[in-house]
Amino acid sequence: MTLPAAKAPTLKLEQPQDGPAVDALLDHAFGPGRYTKVSERVREVAEFRPDLSFCAWDGGRLVGCVRMTRVRIGADEAVFLGPLAVQAEVRKYGTGGLLVQRACAAAQAAGFSAVLLVGDEPYFSRFGFSAAPARDVRLPGPVDQRRVLVRALREGGGEGLAGPVGAPLP
């Protein structure tokens, strides 16, 4: 289901001035426990990519966001998707999916070969994510390996990914 035209969010690249609104949305969506997750360990060493990160706006109100960071998986470069957050009242309109698709398209256009995330395969599989190519990817902390997912952005982009996730190469 998509938002009715009158309710469709406007997707825009995240801007520096969006930071406080994004932080407030993330705090509301995940609570203080978000800082203890393995995904935060990844973001601590990753390079934030505002050119691949998007905000969903309903007029002047932030209703969703997705952030992307550049990482290394073993010797390969990739992007890490997350966090992804959407206000509860607009989730039913597919806002999260729109954000995921836009971020992945931007990463593909930027030349990345794969996107990595930690999430629910039943939700993210509709956007091309799978646990199979991530079976040898090691995150910096405890995680249910079944929730480590990869989406190839080009032919063979998810093949052979193995090793620790860490800071991108310079």
C-alpha atoms as a PDB file:
ATOM      1  CA  MET A   1       0.000   0.000   0.000  1.00  0.00           C
ATOM      2  CA  THR A   2       1.277   3.458  -0.787  1.00  0.00           C
ATOM      3  CA  LEU A   3       0.424   6.753   0.767  1.00  0.00           C
ATOM      4  CA  PRO A   4      -2.455   8.597  -0.848  1.00  0.00           C
ATOM      5  CA  ALA A   5      -1.094  11.397  -3.051  1.00  0.00           C
ATOM      6  CA  ALA A   6      -2.077  13.975  -0.444  1.00  0.00           C
ATOM      7  CA  LYS A   7      -0.138  12.041   2.221  1.00  0.00           C
ATOM      8  CA  ALA A   8       2.870  10.892   0.200  1.00  0.00           C
ATOM      9  CA  PRO A   9       6.036  11.927   2.007  1.00  0.00           C
ATOM     10  CA  THR A  10       8.658  13.980   0.270  1.00  0.00           C
ATOM     11  CA  LEU A  11      12.004  12.162   0.272  1.00  0.00           C
ATOM     12  CA  LYS A  12      15.059  14.399   0.491  1.00  0.00           C
ATOM     13  CA  LEU A  13      18.729  13.826   1.148  1.00  0.00           C
ATOM     14  CA  GLU A  14      19.538  14.292   4.818  1.00  0.00           C
ATOM     15  CA  GLN A  15      20.949  17.753   5.494  1.00  0.00           C
ATOM     16  CA  PRO A  16      23.089  18.827   8.475  1.00  0.00           C
ATOM     17  CA  GLN A  17      20.178  20.822   9.910  1.00  0.00           C
ATOM     18  CA  ASP A  18      18.046  17.638   9.930  1.00  0.00           C
ATOM     19  CA  GLY A  19      20.269  16.047  12.595  1.00  0.00           C
ATOM     20  CA  PRO A  20      18.234  17.036  15.673  1.00  0.00           C
ATOM     21  CA  ALA A  21      14.942  15.877  14.109  1.00  0.00           C
ATOM     22  CA  VAL A  22      16.547  12.603  12.965  1.00  0.00           C
ATOM     23  CA  ASP A  23      18.002  12.005  16.435  1.00  0.00           C
ATOM     24  CA  ALA A  24      14.603  12.660  18.042  1.00  0.00           C
ATOM     25  CA  LEU A  25      12.900  10.209  15.665  1.00  0.00           C
ATOM     26  CA  LEU A  26      15.547   7.549  16.306  1.00  0.00           C
ATOM     27  CA  ASP A  27      15.293   8.040  20.078  1.00  0.00           C
ATOM     28  CA  HIS A  28      11.507   7.682  19.854  1.00  0.00           C
ATOM     29  CA  ALA A  29      11.700   4.612  17.589  1.00  0.00           C
ATOM     30  CA  PHE A  30      14.471   2.691  19.370  1.00  0.00           C
ATOM     31  CA  GLY A  31      14.841   4.206  22.827  1.00  0.00           C
ATOM     32  CA  PRO A  32      18.124   4.417  24.705  1.00  0.00           C
ATOM     33  CA  GLY A  33      18.840   0.738  23.993  1.00  0.00           C
ATOM     34  CA  ARG A  34      19.765   1.636  20.432  1.00  0.00           C
ATOM     35  CA  TYR A  35      23.253   2.575  21.599  1.00  0.00           C
ATOM     36  CA  THR A  36      23.940  -0.960  22.828  1.00  0.00           C
ATOM     37  CA  LYS A  37      23.215  -2.683  19.507  1.00  0.00           C
ATOM     38  CA  VAL A  38      25.913  -4.154  17.289  1.00  0.00           C
ATOM     39  CA  SER A  39      24.810  -1.785  14.516  1.00  0.00           C
ATOM     40  CA  GLU A  40      26.034   1.129  16.638  1.00  0.00           C
ATOM     41  CA  ARG A  41      29.462  -0.541  16.894  1.00  0.00           C
ATOM     42  CA  VAL A  42      29.548  -0.557  13.092  1.00  0.00           C
ATOM     43  CA  ARG A  43      28.503   3.093  12.830  1.00  0.00           C
ATOM     44  CA  GLU A  44      31.201   4.106  15.332  1.00  0.00           C
ATOM     45  CA  VAL A  45      33.899   3.152  12.796  1.00  0.00           C
ATOM     46  CA  ALA A  46      32.006   3.715   9.553  1.00  0.00           C
ATOM     47  CA  GLU A  47      31.938   6.820   7.371  1.00  0.00           C
ATOM     48  CA  PHE A  48      28.517   8.518   7.350  1.00  0.00           C
ATOM     49  CA  ARG A  49      27.285   9.126   3.812  1.00  0.00           C
ATOM     50  CA  PRO A  50      24.710  11.938   3.821  1.00  0.00           C
ATOM     51  CA  ASP A  51      24.641  11.707   0.013  1.00  0.00           C
ATOM     52  CA  LEU A  52      23.054   8.244   0.424  1.00  0.00           C
ATOM     53  CA  SER A  53      20.883   9.020   3.480  1.00  0.00           C
ATOM     54  CA  PHE A  54      17.300  10.212   3.206  1.00  0.00           C
ATOM     55  CA  CYS A  55      14.569  11.834   5.245  1.00  0.00           C
ATOM     56  CA  ALA A  56      10.832  11.462   4.618  1.00  0.00           C
ATOM     57  CA  TRP A  57       8.905  14.665   5.251  1.00  0.00           C
ATOM     58  CA  ASP A  58       5.191  15.271   5.638  1.00  0.00           C
ATOM     59  CA  GLY A  59       5.193  19.014   5.156  1.00  0.00           C
ATOM     60  CA  GLY A  60       7.621  20.279   7.786  1.00  0.00           C
ATOM     61  CA  ARG A  61       7.402  17.135   9.950  1.00  0.00           C
ATOM     62  CA  LEU A  62       9.992  14.363   9.748  1.00  0.00           C
ATOM     63  CA  VAL A  63       8.140  11.041   9.452  1.00  0.00           C
ATOM     64  CA  GLY A  64      10.993   8.743   8.477  1.00  0.00           C
ATOM     65  CA  CYS A  65      14.723   8.441   7.916  1.00  0.00           C
ATOM     66  CA  VAL A  66      17.351   6.045   6.679  1.00  0.00           C
ATOM     67  CA  ARG A  67      21.084   6.478   7.079  1.00  0.00           C
ATOM     68  CA  MET A  68      23.896   4.871   5.128  1.00  0.00           C
ATOM     69  CA  THR A  69      27.540   4.509   6.093  1.00  0.00           C
ATOM     70  CA  ARG A  70      30.548   3.269   4.153  1.00  0.00           C
ATOM     71  CA  VAL A  71      32.214   0.173   5.622  1.00  0.00           C
ATOM     72  CA  ARG A  72      34.689  -2.547   4.788  1.00  0.00           C
ATOM     73  CA  ILE A  73      33.769  -6.244   4.848  1.00  0.00           C
ATOM     74  CA  GLY A  74      37.061  -8.085   4.899  1.00  0.00           C
ATOM     75  CA  ALA A  75      38.818  -6.548   1.882  1.00  0.00           C
ATOM     76  CA  ASP A  76      35.621  -5.377   0.143  1.00  0.00           C
ATOM     77  CA  GLU A  77      33.905  -2.021   0.335  1.00  0.00           C
ATOM     78  CA  ALA A  78      30.151  -1.822   0.949  1.00  0.00           C
ATOM     79  CA  VAL A  79      27.550   0.392   2.563  1.00  0.00           C
ATOM     80  CA  PHE A  80      25.726  -0.331   5.794  1.00  0.00           C
ATOM     81  CA  LEU A  81      22.029   0.577   5.898  1.00  0.00           C
ATOM     82  CA  GLY A  82      20.633   1.777   9.173  1.00  0.00           C
ATOM     83  CA  PRO A  83      19.166   3.016  11.201  1.00  0.00           C
ATOM     84  CA  LEU A  84      15.810   3.038   9.455  1.00  0.00           C
ATOM     85  CA  ALA A  85      12.924   4.583  11.378  1.00  0.00           C
ATOM     86  CA  VAL A  86       9.394   5.587  10.443  1.00  0.00           C
ATOM     87  CA  GLN A  87       6.693   7.219  12.563  1.00  0.00           C
ATOM     88  CA  ALA A  88       4.137   4.554  13.518  1.00  0.00           C
ATOM     89  CA  GLU A  89       1.171   6.264  11.883  1.00  0.00           C
ATOM     90  CA  VAL A  90       2.759   6.278   8.406  1.00  0.00           C
ATOM     91  CA  ARG A  91       4.298   2.787   8.406  1.00  0.00           C
ATOM     92  CA  LYS A  92       1.201   1.316   6.754  1.00  0.00           C
ATOM     93  CA  TYR A  93       1.802   3.469   3.677  1.00  0.00           C
ATOM     94  CA  GLY A  94       5.159   1.927   2.768  1.00  0.00           C
ATOM     95  CA  THR A  95       7.337   4.840   3.844  1.00  0.00           C
ATOM     96  CA  GLY A  96      10.058   2.513   5.150  1.00  0.00           C
ATOM     97  CA  GLY A  97      10.189   0.663   1.859  1.00  0.00           C
ATOM     98  CA  LEU A  98      10.420   3.908  -0.086  1.00  0.00           C
ATOM     99  CA  LEU A  99      13.371   4.970   2.068  1.00  0.00           C
ATOM    100  CA  VAL A 100      15.157   1.611   1.656  1.00  0.00           C
ATOM    101  CA  GLN A 101      14.668   1.636  -2.106  1.00  0.00           C
ATOM    102  CA  ARG A 102      15.847   5.240  -2.480  1.00  0.00           C
ATOM    103  CA  ALA A 103      18.951   4.634  -0.338  1.00  0.00           C
ATOM    104  CA  CYS A 104      19.854   1.461  -2.246  1.00  0.00           C
ATOM    105  CA  ALA A 105      19.374   3.220  -5.598  1.00  0.00           C
ATOM    106  CA  ALA A 106      21.657   6.040  -4.454  1.00  0.00           C
ATOM    107  CA  ALA A 107      24.301   3.538  -3.304  1.00  0.00           C
ATOM    108  CA  GLN A 108      24.114   1.733  -6.634  1.00  0.00           C
ATOM    109  CA  ALA A 109      24.445   5.019  -8.539  1.00  0.00           C
ATOM    110  CA  ALA A 110      27.482   5.861  -6.385  1.00  0.00           C
ATOM    111  CA  GLY A 111      29.170   2.644  -7.525  1.00  0.00           C
ATOM    112  CA  PHE A 112      28.809   0.433  -4.457  1.00  0.00           C
ATOM    113  CA  SER A 113      28.417  -3.282  -5.099  1.00  0.00           C
ATOM    114  CA  ALA A 114      26.519  -4.323  -1.959  1.00  0.00           C
ATOM    115  CA  VAL A 115      24.448  -3.086   0.972  1.00  0.00           C
ATOM    116  CA  LEU A 116      24.704  -4.719   4.406  1.00  0.00           C
ATOM    117  CA  LEU A 117      22.210  -4.420   7.259  1.00  0.00           C
ATOM    118  CA  VAL A 118      20.958  -6.081  10.413  1.00  0.00           C
ATOM    119  CA  GLY A 119      17.227  -6.697  10.239  1.00  0.00           C
ATOM    120  CA  ASP A 120      14.316  -9.032   9.671  1.00  0.00           C
ATOM    121  CA  GLU A 121      14.695 -11.050   6.477  1.00  0.00           C
ATOM    122  CA  PRO A 122      10.911 -11.411   5.985  1.00  0.00           C
ATOM    123  CA  TYR A 123      10.635  -7.601   5.760  1.00  0.00           C
ATOM    124  CA  PHE A 124      13.850  -6.806   3.878  1.00  0.00           C
ATOM    125  CA  SER A 125      13.719  -9.724   1.416  1.00  0.00           C
ATOM    126  CA  ARG A 126      11.099  -7.814  -0.610  1.00  0.00           C
ATOM    127  CA  PHE A 127      13.864  -5.288  -1.339  1.00  0.00           C
ATOM    128  CA  GLY A 128      16.382  -7.932  -2.421  1.00  0.00           C
ATOM    129  CA  PHE A 129      18.141  -8.611   0.901  1.00  0.00           C
ATOM    130  CA  SER A 130      19.142 -12.117   1.950  1.00  0.00           C
ATOM    131  CA  ALA A 131      21.084 -13.769   4.755  1.00  0.00           C
ATOM    132  CA  ALA A 132      22.806 -16.261   2.441  1.00  0.00           C
ATOM    133  CA  PRO A 133      25.513 -13.933   1.049  1.00  0.00           C
ATOM    134  CA  ALA A 134      26.212 -12.631   4.569  1.00  0.00           C
ATOM    135  CA  ARG A 135      26.919 -15.984   6.221  1.00  0.00           C
ATOM    136  CA  ASP A 136      30.677 -15.265   6.469  1.00  0.00           C
ATOM    137  CA  VAL A 137      30.346 -11.583   7.410  1.00  0.00           C
ATOM    138  CA  ARG A 138      31.372 -10.877  11.011  1.00  0.00           C
ATOM    139  CA  LEU A 139      30.021  -7.855  12.863  1.00  0.00           C
ATOM    140  CA  PRO A 140      31.887  -6.257  15.800  1.00  0.00           C
ATOM    141  CA  GLY A 141      29.790  -7.811  18.556  1.00  0.00           C
ATOM    142  CA  PRO A 142      27.159 -10.414  19.253  1.00  0.00           C
ATOM    143  CA  VAL A 143      24.384 -10.686  16.665  1.00  0.00           C
ATOM    144  CA  ASP A 144      21.976 -13.322  15.420  1.00  0.00           C
ATOM    145  CA  GLN A 145      23.721 -14.198  12.141  1.00  0.00           C
ATOM    146  CA  ARG A 146      20.334 -14.883  10.514  1.00  0.00           C
ATOM    147  CA  ARG A 147      19.610 -11.134  10.821  1.00  0.00           C
ATOM    148  CA  VAL A 148      22.766 -10.103   8.933  1.00  0.00           C
ATOM    149  CA  LEU A 149      21.542  -9.421   5.397  1.00  0.00           C
ATOM    150  CA  VAL A 150      23.096  -8.335   2.112  1.00  0.00           C
ATOM    151  CA  ARG A 151      21.688  -6.957  -1.119  1.00  0.00           C
ATOM    152  CA  ALA A 152      23.864  -7.067  -4.220  1.00  0.00           C
ATOM    153  CA  LEU A 153      23.702  -3.858  -6.238  1.00  0.00           C
ATOM    154  CA  ARG A 154      25.303  -5.368  -9.328  1.00  0.00           C
ATOM    155  CA  GLU A 155      25.931  -8.818 -10.755  1.00  0.00           C
ATOM    156  CA  GLY A 156      28.054 -10.741  -8.254  1.00  0.00           C
ATOM    157  CA  GLY A 157      28.069  -7.842  -5.787  1.00  0.00           C
ATOM    158  CA  GLY A 158      27.159 -10.004  -2.819  1.00  0.00           C
ATOM    159  CA  GLU A 159      29.401 -12.948  -3.699  1.00  0.00           C
ATOM    160  CA  GLY A 160      32.439 -13.771  -1.630  1.00  0.00           C
ATOM    161  CA  LEU A 161      31.741 -11.284   1.156  1.00  0.00           C
ATOM    162  CA  ALA A 162      33.623 -12.545   4.191  1.00  0.00           C
ATOM    163  CA  GLY A 163      35.438 -11.277   7.207  1.00  0.00           C
ATOM    164  CA  PRO A 164      35.026  -8.588   9.801  1.00  0.00           C
ATOM    165  CA  VAL A 165      33.035  -5.412   9.213  1.00  0.00           C
ATOM    166  CA  GLY A 166      35.174  -2.406   9.986  1.00  0.00           C
ATOM    167  CA  ALA A 167      36.259   1.066   9.032  1.00  0.00           C
ATOM    168  CA  PRO A 168      36.405   1.745   5.314  1.00  0.00           C
ATOM    169  CA  LEU A 169      39.741   1.869   3.601  1.00  0.00           C
ATOM    170  CA  PRO A 170      41.012   5.411   3.003  1.00  0.00           C
END
